[in-house]
Protein backbone atom coordinates (compact mmCIF):
# COMPACT_ATOMS: atom_id res chain seq x y z
CA MET A 1 74.53 -31.32 113.64
CA LEU A 2 73.17 -28.46 115.86
CA VAL A 3 75.67 -25.50 115.07
CA GLU A 4 73.90 -22.75 116.95
CA LEU A 5 71.10 -22.00 119.23
CA SER A 6 69.89 -18.59 120.39
CA ILE A 7 67.38 -17.90 122.96
CA ARG A 8 65.40 -14.92 123.53
CA ASP A 9 62.93 -13.91 126.85
CA PHE A 10 62.45 -17.64 127.45
CA ALA A 11 61.61 -18.44 131.13
CA ILE A 12 64.39 -16.88 133.06
CA ILE A 13 66.81 -16.79 129.88
CA GLU A 14 66.67 -13.15 128.92
CA GLN A 15 69.07 -13.56 126.00
CA LEU A 16 71.68 -16.59 125.23
CA HIS A 17 73.92 -17.64 122.45
CA MET A 18 75.56 -20.77 122.34
CA THR A 19 77.92 -22.42 119.53
CA PHE A 20 78.18 -26.30 119.36
CA ASP A 21 81.07 -28.64 117.63
CA GLN A 22 81.13 -32.06 116.82
CA GLY A 23 81.51 -34.82 119.70
CA PHE A 24 80.23 -35.12 123.00
CA HIS A 25 79.19 -31.86 125.10
CA ALA A 26 78.44 -31.85 128.81
CA LEU A 27 76.05 -29.14 130.38
CA THR A 28 76.39 -28.88 134.29
CA GLY A 29 75.56 -25.91 137.18
CA GLU A 30 73.59 -25.90 139.79
CA THR A 31 69.96 -27.11 140.55
CA GLY A 32 67.56 -24.48 139.20
CA ALA A 33 69.88 -22.76 137.27
CA GLY A 34 68.03 -23.41 133.99
CA LYS A 35 69.77 -26.48 132.31
CA SER A 36 66.42 -28.37 131.82
CA ILE A 37 64.91 -24.85 129.90
CA LEU A 38 67.51 -25.30 127.31
CA ILE A 39 66.18 -28.92 126.77
CA ASP A 40 62.73 -27.15 126.48
CA ALA A 41 63.60 -25.11 124.11
CA LEU A 42 65.39 -27.63 121.87
CA SER A 43 61.84 -29.19 122.17
CA LEU A 44 60.28 -26.17 120.79
CA VAL A 45 62.97 -26.37 117.78
CA ALA A 46 61.75 -30.04 117.15
CA GLY A 47 57.93 -29.22 117.01
CA GLY A 48 56.94 -29.30 120.96
CA ARG A 49 53.93 -27.19 121.60
CA GLY A 50 54.45 -24.20 123.18
CA SER A 51 52.76 -22.03 125.79
CA GLN A 52 52.64 -18.21 126.39
CA GLU A 53 53.59 -19.23 130.06
CA PHE A 54 57.33 -20.28 128.60
CA ILE A 55 57.69 -16.21 127.96
CA ARG A 56 59.53 -14.49 130.41
CA HIS A 57 57.68 -12.06 132.86
CA GLY A 58 57.27 -8.73 130.77
CA SER A 59 57.99 -9.66 127.62
CA LYS A 60 55.89 -9.63 124.68
CA LYS A 61 57.16 -12.80 123.14
CA LEU A 62 59.93 -15.87 123.08
CA GLU A 63 62.38 -16.64 120.31
CA ILE A 64 64.33 -19.39 119.54
CA GLU A 65 66.38 -19.92 116.66
CA ALA A 66 68.55 -22.98 115.72
CA LEU A 67 71.18 -23.34 113.18
CA PHE A 68 72.02 -26.84 111.50
CA SER A 69 74.60 -28.23 109.55
CA ILE A 70 73.36 -30.82 106.88
CA ASP A 71 75.34 -32.43 104.16
CA ALA A 72 73.80 -33.82 100.93
CA ASN A 73 73.17 -37.24 102.24
CA HIS A 74 71.25 -36.16 105.16
CA ARG A 75 68.02 -37.84 105.34
CA VAL A 76 65.69 -34.20 105.84
CA ASN A 77 66.66 -33.39 102.29
CA PRO A 78 63.94 -35.71 100.58
CA LEU A 79 61.28 -34.03 103.38
CA LEU A 80 62.50 -30.32 102.42
CA GLU A 81 62.33 -31.02 98.37
CA GLN A 82 58.81 -32.75 99.13
CA GLU A 83 57.98 -29.25 100.49
CA GLY A 84 59.67 -27.36 98.11
CA MET A 85 62.18 -26.56 100.02
CA GLY A 86 64.92 -28.12 98.89
CA SER A 87 68.63 -26.21 98.61
CA GLU A 88 72.03 -26.40 97.79
CA ASP A 89 73.31 -24.87 100.82
CA GLU A 90 74.07 -26.96 103.75
CA TRP A 91 72.65 -24.63 106.33
CA LEU A 92 69.10 -25.22 107.72
CA VAL A 93 67.54 -22.39 110.01
CA ILE A 94 64.59 -23.44 112.02
CA ARG A 95 62.88 -20.37 114.49
CA ARG A 96 59.64 -20.61 116.63
CA GLU A 97 58.20 -17.65 118.22
CA ILE A 98 55.46 -17.73 120.75
CA THR A 99 53.57 -14.72 121.68
CA SER A 100 51.75 -13.44 124.74
CA GLN A 101 48.47 -13.98 123.37
CA GLY A 102 49.59 -17.57 122.90
CA LYS A 103 50.14 -17.17 118.76
CA SER A 104 52.81 -19.83 117.79
CA LEU A 105 54.89 -19.27 114.77
CA ALA A 106 57.47 -21.78 113.33
CA ARG A 107 59.89 -20.87 110.21
CA VAL A 108 62.17 -23.10 108.60
CA ASN A 109 64.82 -21.39 106.24
CA GLY A 110 62.59 -18.24 106.41
CA ARG A 111 59.50 -20.08 105.42
CA VAL A 112 56.41 -20.54 107.69
CA VAL A 113 55.76 -24.15 108.39
CA THR A 114 52.96 -26.06 110.39
CA LEU A 115 53.84 -27.99 113.61
CA ALA A 116 52.96 -30.92 112.06
CA PHE A 117 55.80 -30.43 109.34
CA LEU A 118 58.37 -29.14 112.05
CA ARG A 119 57.92 -32.55 114.32
CA GLU A 120 58.44 -34.32 111.24
CA LEU A 121 61.60 -32.52 110.42
CA GLY A 122 62.50 -32.38 113.94
CA ALA A 123 62.37 -36.14 114.60
CA MET A 124 65.23 -36.55 111.73
CA LEU A 125 67.60 -33.78 113.52
CA LEU A 126 67.03 -34.21 117.05
CA ASP A 127 66.43 -37.06 119.54
CA ILE A 128 65.84 -36.09 123.07
CA HIS A 129 65.79 -38.48 125.76
CA GLY A 130 65.05 -37.89 129.56
CA GLN A 131 64.56 -40.56 132.24
CA HIS A 132 60.45 -40.90 131.56
CA GLU A 133 60.17 -39.90 127.94
CA HIS A 134 60.04 -42.36 125.36
CA GLN A 135 61.50 -41.19 122.18
CA SER A 136 62.00 -43.39 118.68
CA PHE A 137 63.24 -46.52 120.31
CA MET A 138 59.98 -46.27 122.53
CA ASN A 139 57.59 -46.29 119.41
CA VAL A 140 57.42 -50.10 118.20
CA GLU A 141 56.16 -48.86 115.09
CA SER A 142 60.11 -47.78 114.27
CA HIS A 143 61.61 -51.12 115.72
CA LEU A 144 61.69 -52.64 112.36
CA GLY A 145 63.43 -49.79 110.90
CA TRP A 146 66.09 -49.66 113.40
CA LEU A 147 66.96 -53.15 112.60
CA ASP A 148 66.83 -52.62 108.86
CA ALA A 149 69.42 -49.72 109.52
CA TYR A 150 71.61 -51.69 111.24
CA GLY A 151 72.13 -53.92 108.90
CA GLY A 152 73.84 -51.69 106.42
CA SER A 153 73.69 -50.11 102.99
CA LYS A 154 73.49 -53.70 101.08
CA HIS A 155 70.32 -55.04 103.41
CA ILE A 156 68.89 -51.42 102.84
CA ALA A 157 68.82 -51.80 99.10
CA ASP A 158 67.16 -55.14 99.14
CA VAL A 159 64.32 -53.57 101.09
CA LYS A 160 64.22 -50.60 98.83
CA ALA A 161 63.95 -53.01 96.17
CA TYR A 162 61.33 -54.90 97.92
CA ARG A 163 59.42 -51.72 98.84
CA THR A 164 59.37 -50.47 95.17
CA ARG A 165 58.06 -53.59 94.01
CA PHE A 166 55.62 -53.88 96.59
CA ALA A 167 54.33 -50.46 95.25
CA GLU A 168 53.86 -51.87 91.82
CA TYR A 169 51.98 -54.76 93.48
CA TYR A 170 49.97 -52.52 95.46
CA GLN A 171 48.81 -50.35 92.72
CA LEU A 172 47.84 -53.23 90.79
CA ARG A 173 45.40 -54.22 93.75
CA GLN A 174 43.77 -51.08 94.14
CA ALA A 175 43.31 -50.80 90.58
CA GLN A 176 41.54 -54.40 90.57
CA GLN A 177 39.27 -53.64 93.80
CA ALA A 178 38.16 -50.71 91.99
CA LEU A 179 37.30 -53.06 88.88
CA LEU A 180 35.38 -55.43 90.96
CA GLN A 181 33.39 -53.30 92.84
CA ASN A 182 29.77 -53.91 93.59
CA GLU A 183 27.90 -54.84 90.36
CA LYS A 184 24.92 -52.65 91.43
CA GLU A 185 27.25 -49.89 92.24
CA VAL A 186 29.03 -50.28 88.83
CA ALA A 187 25.52 -50.26 87.14
CA GLN A 188 24.38 -47.28 88.63
CA ARG A 189 27.77 -45.47 87.73
CA LEU A 190 27.64 -46.56 84.10
CA ASP A 191 24.09 -45.27 83.95
CA LEU A 192 25.26 -41.68 85.33
CA LEU A 193 28.09 -42.03 83.22
CA ARG A 194 26.57 -42.55 80.17
CA PHE A 195 23.97 -39.60 80.86
CA GLN A 196 26.61 -37.51 81.26
CA HIS A 197 28.21 -38.32 78.08
CA GLU A 198 25.53 -38.06 76.10
CA GLU A 199 24.51 -34.88 77.59
CA ILE A 200 28.06 -33.18 76.63
CA SER A 201 28.61 -34.89 73.72
CA ALA A 202 25.09 -33.87 72.48
CA ALA A 203 25.84 -30.32 73.17
CA GLN A 204 28.83 -29.84 70.76
CA LEU A 205 30.58 -27.40 72.35
CA GLN A 206 33.29 -24.92 71.07
CA CYS A 207 35.88 -22.99 72.92
CA GLY A 208 34.97 -19.27 72.20
CA GLU A 209 31.42 -20.22 71.29
CA GLU A 210 29.74 -18.56 74.06
CA GLU A 211 31.48 -15.19 74.12
CA GLU A 212 30.63 -15.14 69.90
CA LEU A 213 26.90 -16.10 71.16
CA GLU A 214 26.72 -13.11 73.50
CA ALA A 215 28.05 -10.61 71.24
CA GLU A 216 25.39 -11.42 68.51
CA GLU A 217 22.65 -11.78 70.97
CA ARG A 218 23.61 -8.25 72.02
CA ARG A 219 23.67 -6.83 68.40
CA LEU A 220 20.45 -8.51 67.88
CA SER A 221 18.63 -7.18 70.94
CA HIS A 222 19.63 -3.77 70.08
CA ALA A 223 18.93 -3.71 66.33
CA GLU A 224 16.69 -0.58 66.17
CA ARG A 225 19.10 1.40 68.52
CA LEU A 226 21.99 0.59 66.36
CA MET A 227 19.62 1.25 63.00
CA ASN A 228 18.88 4.73 64.34
CA GLU A 229 22.01 5.45 65.50
CA SER A 230 24.07 4.32 62.57
CA SER A 231 21.64 6.44 59.96
CA GLN A 232 22.26 9.45 62.14
CA ALA A 233 25.78 9.13 61.73
CA PHE A 234 25.47 8.60 58.32
CA LEU A 235 23.30 11.51 57.63
CA HIS A 236 25.95 13.74 59.34
CA LEU A 237 28.43 12.76 56.77
CA HIS A 238 26.42 11.89 53.49
CA GLY A 239 23.10 13.07 54.38
CA ASP A 240 21.46 16.64 54.78
CA GLN A 241 23.65 18.15 56.74
CA GLN A 242 26.38 17.32 53.79
CA GLY A 243 29.50 16.79 56.35
CA LEU A 244 31.68 15.77 53.87
CA GLU A 245 30.72 17.99 50.98
CA GLN A 246 31.61 21.05 53.90
CA ILE A 247 34.93 19.62 54.04
CA TYR A 248 35.44 19.43 50.42
CA THR A 249 34.44 23.26 49.94
CA ALA A 250 36.90 24.23 52.61
CA MET A 251 39.74 21.73 50.86
CA THR A 252 39.04 24.01 47.87
CA HIS A 253 39.80 27.32 49.68
CA LEU A 254 42.78 25.82 51.17
CA GLU A 255 44.22 24.83 48.16
CA GLU A 256 43.81 28.58 46.62
CA MET A 257 45.77 29.96 49.61
CA VAL A 258 48.44 27.47 49.47
CA THR A 259 49.15 29.12 45.82
CA TYR A 260 49.82 32.02 47.72
CA ASP A 261 51.39 30.48 50.82
CA GLU A 262 53.12 27.20 50.74
CA SER A 263 53.57 27.05 54.41
CA LEU A 264 49.93 25.74 54.88
CA THR A 265 50.93 22.89 52.64
CA PRO A 266 51.12 20.58 55.46
CA LEU A 267 47.44 21.25 56.57
CA LEU A 268 46.22 20.86 53.17
CA GLU A 269 47.58 17.27 53.09
CA ALA A 270 46.34 16.80 56.28
CA MET A 271 42.70 17.55 55.35
CA ASN A 272 43.20 15.69 52.30
CA SER A 273 43.86 12.59 54.21
CA THR A 274 41.04 13.36 56.74
CA TYR A 275 38.59 13.86 53.97
CA TYR A 276 39.06 10.58 52.45
CA GLN A 277 39.54 8.65 55.87
CA LEU A 278 35.93 10.21 56.58
CA GLU A 279 35.02 9.18 53.45
CA GLU A 280 35.77 5.27 53.48
CA ALA A 281 34.17 5.55 57.13
CA ALA A 282 30.73 6.85 55.62
CA ARG A 283 30.49 3.74 53.21
CA GLU A 284 31.38 1.30 55.87
CA LEU A 285 28.69 3.11 57.88
CA GLY A 286 26.36 2.83 54.82
CA ARG A 287 27.04 -0.99 54.39
CA TYR A 288 26.67 -1.58 58.22
CA ARG A 289 23.60 -0.14 58.45
CA ASP A 290 22.11 -1.66 55.45
CA GLN A 291 23.16 -5.03 56.73
CA ILE A 292 21.21 -4.63 60.05
CA GLU A 293 18.26 -6.69 60.23
CA TYR A 294 16.03 -7.72 63.53
CA ASP A 295 15.80 -11.47 63.48
CA PRO A 296 13.33 -12.96 66.63
CA ASP A 297 13.89 -16.39 65.31
CA ARG A 298 17.83 -15.96 65.29
CA LEU A 299 17.59 -14.06 69.08
CA GLU A 300 15.49 -17.01 70.42
CA GLN A 301 17.93 -19.49 69.13
CA ILE A 302 20.82 -17.90 70.55
CA GLY A 303 19.10 -17.77 73.86
CA GLU A 304 18.05 -21.14 73.88
CA ARG A 305 21.77 -22.21 73.19
CA LEU A 306 23.39 -20.04 75.89
CA HIS A 307 20.77 -21.47 78.05
CA THR A 308 22.04 -25.18 77.20
CA ILE A 309 25.65 -23.76 77.83
CA THR A 310 24.95 -22.14 81.25
CA GLY A 311 23.31 -25.30 82.35
CA LEU A 312 26.02 -27.51 81.31
CA LYS A 313 28.85 -25.21 83.21
CA ARG A 314 26.17 -25.21 86.41
CA LYS A 315 26.74 -28.85 86.44
CA TYR A 316 30.38 -29.83 85.12
CA GLY A 317 32.39 -26.76 85.25
CA PRO A 318 32.90 -22.90 85.93
CA GLU A 319 34.02 -22.74 82.41
CA VAL A 320 33.24 -24.46 78.98
CA GLU A 321 36.79 -25.99 78.93
CA ASP A 322 35.87 -27.57 82.24
CA VAL A 323 32.80 -29.08 80.89
CA LEU A 324 34.87 -30.44 77.98
CA ALA A 325 37.73 -31.79 80.28
CA HIS A 326 34.87 -33.65 82.42
CA GLY A 327 33.46 -35.15 79.25
CA GLU A 328 37.19 -36.58 78.52
CA LYS A 329 37.00 -38.08 81.97
CA VAL A 330 33.42 -39.38 81.55
CA GLU A 331 34.42 -41.08 78.28
CA ALA A 332 37.59 -42.42 79.93
CA GLU A 333 35.94 -43.84 82.97
CA LEU A 334 32.95 -45.14 80.61
CA TYR A 335 35.65 -47.32 78.93
CA GLN A 336 37.21 -48.32 81.72
CA LEU A 337 33.91 -49.87 83.19
CA THR A 338 32.54 -50.95 79.97
CA HIS A 339 36.06 -53.08 79.78
CA ARG A 340 36.62 -54.12 83.22
CA ASP A 341 36.47 -57.66 82.35
CA GLN A 342 39.64 -57.40 79.87
CA GLN A 343 41.08 -55.15 82.22
CA ASN A 344 40.84 -57.39 85.35
CA GLU A 345 42.06 -60.30 83.61
CA GLU A 346 45.42 -58.32 82.53
CA LEU A 347 45.73 -57.20 86.07
CA GLU A 348 45.44 -60.85 87.29
CA GLN A 349 48.25 -61.90 85.00
CA LYS A 350 50.22 -59.34 86.12
CA LEU A 351 49.74 -59.70 89.77
CA ALA A 352 50.15 -63.67 89.19
CA LEU A 353 53.48 -62.86 87.75
CA LEU A 354 54.56 -60.53 90.66
CA ARG A 355 53.07 -62.17 93.60
CA PRO A 356 55.73 -65.00 93.56
CA LEU A 357 58.56 -62.43 93.23
CA LEU A 358 57.29 -60.55 96.47
CA GLU A 359 57.02 -63.50 98.17
CA GLU A 360 60.31 -64.63 97.51
CA ASP A 361 61.46 -60.85 98.25
CA ALA A 362 60.21 -61.30 101.72
CA SER A 363 61.20 -64.35 102.49
CA LYS A 364 64.71 -63.35 101.81
CA LEU A 365 64.22 -60.54 103.87
CA ARG A 366 63.21 -62.41 106.55
CA LEU A 367 66.37 -64.61 106.68
CA GLN A 368 68.41 -61.28 106.74
CA ARG A 369 66.49 -59.82 109.62
CA SER A 370 66.56 -62.93 111.64
CA LYS A 371 70.42 -63.06 111.33
CA LEU A 372 70.53 -59.51 112.27
CA ALA A 373 68.05 -59.83 115.21
CA ARG A 374 70.56 -62.58 116.81
CA GLU A 375 73.61 -60.20 116.27
CA ILE A 376 71.57 -57.43 117.81
CA GLU A 377 70.88 -59.27 120.73
CA ASP A 378 74.28 -60.03 121.16
CA ARG A 379 75.80 -56.84 120.67
CA MET A 380 73.41 -55.58 122.73
CA GLU A 381 73.99 -57.81 126.00
CA LYS A 382 77.33 -56.94 125.54
CA GLU A 383 76.72 -53.15 125.30
CA LEU A 384 74.43 -53.35 128.55
CA ALA A 385 77.29 -55.31 130.14
CA ASP A 386 79.35 -52.59 129.64
CA LEU A 387 77.16 -50.38 131.41
CA ASN A 388 77.09 -52.41 134.57
CA MET A 389 73.85 -54.47 133.68
CA ALA A 390 75.41 -57.79 132.95
CA ARG A 391 72.51 -60.17 133.47
CA THR A 392 70.09 -58.13 131.47
CA GLN A 393 68.49 -59.93 128.52
CA PHE A 394 67.46 -58.46 125.18
CA SER A 395 65.11 -59.89 122.80
CA VAL A 396 64.51 -59.26 119.00
CA LYS A 397 61.00 -60.84 118.43
CA MET A 398 60.02 -61.21 115.22
CA THR A 399 56.28 -61.84 114.28
CA SER A 400 54.50 -62.64 111.08
CA THR A 401 51.86 -60.59 109.38
CA PRO A 402 48.65 -62.40 107.94
CA GLU A 403 49.35 -60.40 104.65
CA LEU A 404 52.22 -58.61 102.46
CA THR A 405 52.80 -55.35 103.53
CA GLU A 406 55.41 -52.62 102.20
CA SER A 407 58.15 -54.15 105.03
CA GLY A 408 57.05 -57.80 104.02
CA TYR A 409 55.81 -60.47 106.38
CA ASP A 410 57.56 -59.11 109.27
CA ARG A 411 57.13 -57.31 112.50
CA VAL A 412 59.64 -56.78 115.28
CA GLU A 413 59.45 -55.68 118.42
CA TYR A 414 62.34 -55.31 121.19
CA TYR A 415 61.98 -57.02 124.50
CA ILE A 416 63.96 -57.22 127.75
CA SER A 417 64.56 -58.86 131.05
CA PRO A 418 66.59 -56.21 133.31
CA ASN A 419 66.85 -58.63 136.34
CA PRO A 420 67.56 -62.37 136.13
CA GLY A 421 64.66 -64.84 136.59
CA GLU A 422 62.17 -62.29 135.26
CA PRO A 423 60.32 -62.67 132.30
CA LEU A 424 61.08 -60.78 128.69
CA LYS A 425 58.99 -57.72 128.42
CA PRO A 426 58.28 -55.18 125.50
CA LEU A 427 60.38 -52.56 125.74
CA VAL A 428 57.95 -49.84 125.82
CA LYS A 429 56.90 -50.96 129.11
CA VAL A 430 60.02 -50.63 130.94
CA ALA A 431 59.73 -47.85 133.43
CA SER A 432 62.96 -47.82 135.64
CA GLY A 433 64.60 -44.29 135.32
CA GLY A 434 68.07 -45.59 135.82
CA GLU A 435 67.99 -49.13 133.55
CA LEU A 436 65.87 -47.17 131.31
CA SER A 437 68.61 -44.61 130.98
CA ARG A 438 71.52 -46.99 130.42
CA LEU A 439 69.59 -49.31 128.12
CA MET A 440 68.76 -46.36 125.68
CA LEU A 441 72.24 -45.25 126.04
CA ALA A 442 73.09 -48.80 124.91
CA ILE A 443 70.72 -48.95 122.12
CA LYS A 444 72.06 -45.52 120.91
CA SER A 445 75.73 -46.74 121.03
CA LEU A 446 74.73 -50.00 119.20
CA PHE A 447 72.92 -47.88 116.09
CA ALA A 448 75.25 -44.92 115.92
CA HIS A 449 77.04 -46.33 113.03
CA THR A 450 73.92 -46.53 111.14
CA GLY A 451 73.94 -42.67 110.30
CA THR A 452 70.03 -42.96 110.98
CA MET A 453 70.75 -41.07 114.56
CA ASN A 454 70.37 -37.42 115.12
CA THR A 455 71.99 -35.28 117.52
CA LEU A 456 71.27 -37.01 120.48
CA ILE A 457 70.39 -35.21 124.02
CA PHE A 458 70.27 -36.60 127.20
CA ASP A 459 68.65 -34.73 130.24
CA GLU A 460 70.08 -35.90 133.26
CA ILE A 461 69.86 -39.75 132.17
CA ASP A 462 72.73 -40.60 134.53
CA THR A 463 70.15 -39.56 138.00
CA GLY A 464 70.58 -42.46 140.46
CA VAL A 465 73.70 -43.90 139.06
CA SER A 466 76.86 -43.72 140.43
CA GLY A 467 80.42 -45.12 141.04
CA ARG A 468 81.23 -48.05 138.10
CA ALA A 469 78.04 -47.65 136.34
CA ALA A 470 78.57 -44.16 136.19
CA GLN A 471 81.95 -44.33 134.58
CA SER A 472 80.21 -46.82 132.15
CA ILE A 473 77.79 -44.44 130.93
CA ALA A 474 80.73 -41.33 130.79
CA GLU A 475 82.72 -43.85 128.72
CA LYS A 476 79.81 -44.89 126.46
CA MET A 477 78.72 -41.10 125.97
CA SER A 478 82.57 -40.20 124.55
CA ALA A 479 82.56 -43.35 122.45
CA LEU A 480 78.93 -42.09 120.81
CA GLY A 481 80.60 -38.89 120.54
CA LYS A 482 83.03 -39.83 117.80
CA GLU A 483 80.13 -41.23 115.54
CA GLN A 484 77.54 -37.73 116.46
CA GLN A 485 77.05 -35.01 118.38
CA VAL A 486 75.87 -35.90 121.94
CA LEU A 487 74.24 -33.09 124.49
CA SER A 488 74.03 -34.19 127.74
CA ILE A 489 72.87 -32.30 130.96
CA SER A 490 74.73 -34.08 133.79
CA HIS A 491 75.09 -33.96 137.54
CA LEU A 492 78.32 -36.39 137.48
CA PRO A 493 81.76 -35.30 137.34
CA GLN A 494 82.79 -38.81 135.69
CA VAL A 495 80.58 -37.80 132.84
CA ALA A 496 81.35 -34.27 132.43
CA CYS A 497 85.33 -34.90 132.30
CA MET A 498 84.64 -37.18 129.25
CA ALA A 499 83.29 -34.55 127.61
CA ASP A 500 84.86 -32.50 124.61
CA THR A 501 83.08 -29.74 125.17
CA HIS A 502 81.89 -28.35 128.75
CA PHE A 503 79.40 -25.65 129.34
CA TYR A 504 78.57 -24.36 132.50
CA ILE A 505 75.07 -22.92 133.44
CA TYR A 506 74.42 -20.60 136.13
CA LYS A 507 72.08 -18.04 137.07
CA GLN A 508 72.30 -14.32 138.32
CA VAL A 509 70.69 -11.41 139.55
CA GLU A 510 70.68 -8.38 137.33
CA GLN A 511 68.96 -5.44 137.62
CA GLU A 512 66.87 -7.19 140.39
CA ARG A 513 65.90 -9.59 137.58
CA THR A 514 67.09 -13.34 137.57
CA VAL A 515 68.56 -14.24 134.56
CA THR A 516 70.28 -17.50 132.95
CA ARG A 517 73.97 -17.64 131.65
CA VAL A 518 76.11 -19.66 129.95
CA ARG A 519 80.06 -20.15 129.55
CA LYS A 520 82.28 -22.75 128.12
CA LEU A 521 84.55 -23.86 130.32
CA VAL A 522 88.20 -24.13 129.67
CA GLY A 523 91.38 -24.71 131.55
CA GLU A 524 91.05 -23.78 135.16
CA GLU A 525 87.17 -22.95 134.94
CA ARG A 526 86.69 -26.43 133.88
CA ILE A 527 88.68 -28.16 136.80
CA HIS A 528 86.78 -25.50 139.25
CA GLU A 529 83.34 -26.96 138.07
CA LEU A 530 84.41 -30.62 138.25
CA ALA A 531 85.93 -29.69 141.98
CA ARG A 532 82.68 -28.16 142.71
CA MET A 533 80.56 -30.93 141.49
CA LEU A 534 82.82 -33.51 143.51
CA GLY A 535 82.72 -31.57 146.84
CA GLY A 536 79.37 -29.60 146.71
CA VAL A 537 79.44 -25.89 147.36
CA GLU A 538 83.19 -25.55 148.73
CA VAL A 539 85.88 -26.21 146.36
CA THR A 540 89.23 -27.09 148.22
CA ASP A 541 92.70 -27.77 147.35
CA THR A 542 91.72 -31.60 147.67
CA THR A 543 88.72 -31.56 145.41
CA ARG A 544 90.62 -29.40 142.44
CA GLN A 545 93.65 -31.87 142.65
CA HIS A 546 91.05 -34.44 142.34
CA ALA A 547 89.35 -32.68 139.48
CA GLN A 548 92.71 -32.30 137.79
CA GLU A 549 93.49 -35.96 138.10
CA MET A 550 89.85 -36.92 136.62
CA LEU A 551 90.45 -34.58 133.66
CA ARG A 552 93.89 -36.51 133.35
CA LEU A 553 92.44 -39.77 133.07
CA ALA A 554 89.58 -38.75 131.24
CA HIS A 555 92.02 -37.78 128.48
CA LYS A 556 93.85 -41.08 128.73
CA ASN A 557 90.36 -43.22 128.63
CA LYS A 558 89.27 -41.19 125.62
CA ALA A 559 92.50 -41.73 123.71
CA ALA A 560 92.24 -45.50 124.13
CA LEU A 561 88.48 -45.38 122.89
CA LEU A 562 89.83 -44.00 119.31
């Protein structure tokens, strides 16, 4: 449910904040006041494409923020979890910004998202319908989904069970097709895999080997330098310069001094420790020097080995670990291809067991859907009759697909015939504004109980409608508001008086700039607005009395709808 909408610097809206409740909301106001701008703003929230032309003159960017309340069972939750945006919080915040440079930014709960993701999310939150817009029901691919949703929880459970089984069947078919690919391609693939397997296996790579070889190569390459440096270091300690002997002599002098001044004892102990550490270091240095040996054969072997490792890394991965991992994949694919006949036989057996079960489930779904289709046809014609379209025919046409799909064998499309004597035509080709408006309202009333509908937004769909048809639309919207949230921009007082919440949209000049304002109407303000809608610019006592009577009857009619 839409809870709040904030708009800044959008067209003639400088700053606007609206709060919404459950039920039916009417938005009224004079032509040009900015009613449709609100719909444009909500379209951006739902992922619509924006333009810098929407930005209020003199501003650097426009900002739109919408707050939605979603429960734990809302259908947006799986999509949010899929994107790592799942939350136990019941609030969802969508924010759009468009700069004067044309840059568009969308955020969901503070995280930047793509417009494609926002469109997918927005389709689950808002359903915007105007006279010439084709929304969810105008997409033929969605018709079967709506029919299934109409069937309720038990039917949906059967559909899900079928799809789970079909997913298993599809995966088996994909695996089988991969096995049965062109023999020439398989042979070529086997040659390549065998070569790679032999090349990697023959190398007998070890993790960490490369680092050890590189260290050994550095030692061998600099053997002469290491010999010279270690010899010089040893001479400084144990050679002609007799470094250790001099330290020892210093120690004997210090020992003599300690007999006269005990405070020098710590210094003597430190010098003793240093002397023995240096003596051990000298012995280690001597052993290291004696072991140094220049081995050109070993150096050549290391170079060849490192060349082999580098070549494999260049082919199969940036690191030795990647080469080994590739080798494991090659080995697994080799096994699969060399044993494909056996695997194909196993897959064929599984498919043979699964196919009859799928066909049985698909036939069961077809029977259930046929029954639901007839029920929808009957109920739709009753809904249309309530909207002064009593002679309109509505048909749910089911056709079969040549192969099993994730929906079974069924394809569904809605057809109508608005006028007697005319043939049934696809719903998506209906173009009459007034008829389409009432048709969409009837459809959405029919499907309101399924829980699959979003916040419904109607943009002047009652244009061109009057009399009993207008009253029927008003009652239908009011009834629809009992099931879900409805927002409707309307110019008809019959519709506005039936709303649970009434917003008045107007514009005024402030500091020589035109701005749009919105006010929630209650009491006398609402009566005044209904009177204006009834009588035009001038509000008289008669139109006010008429408006009061309309509100009284509206309360009575809404009570009867409960």
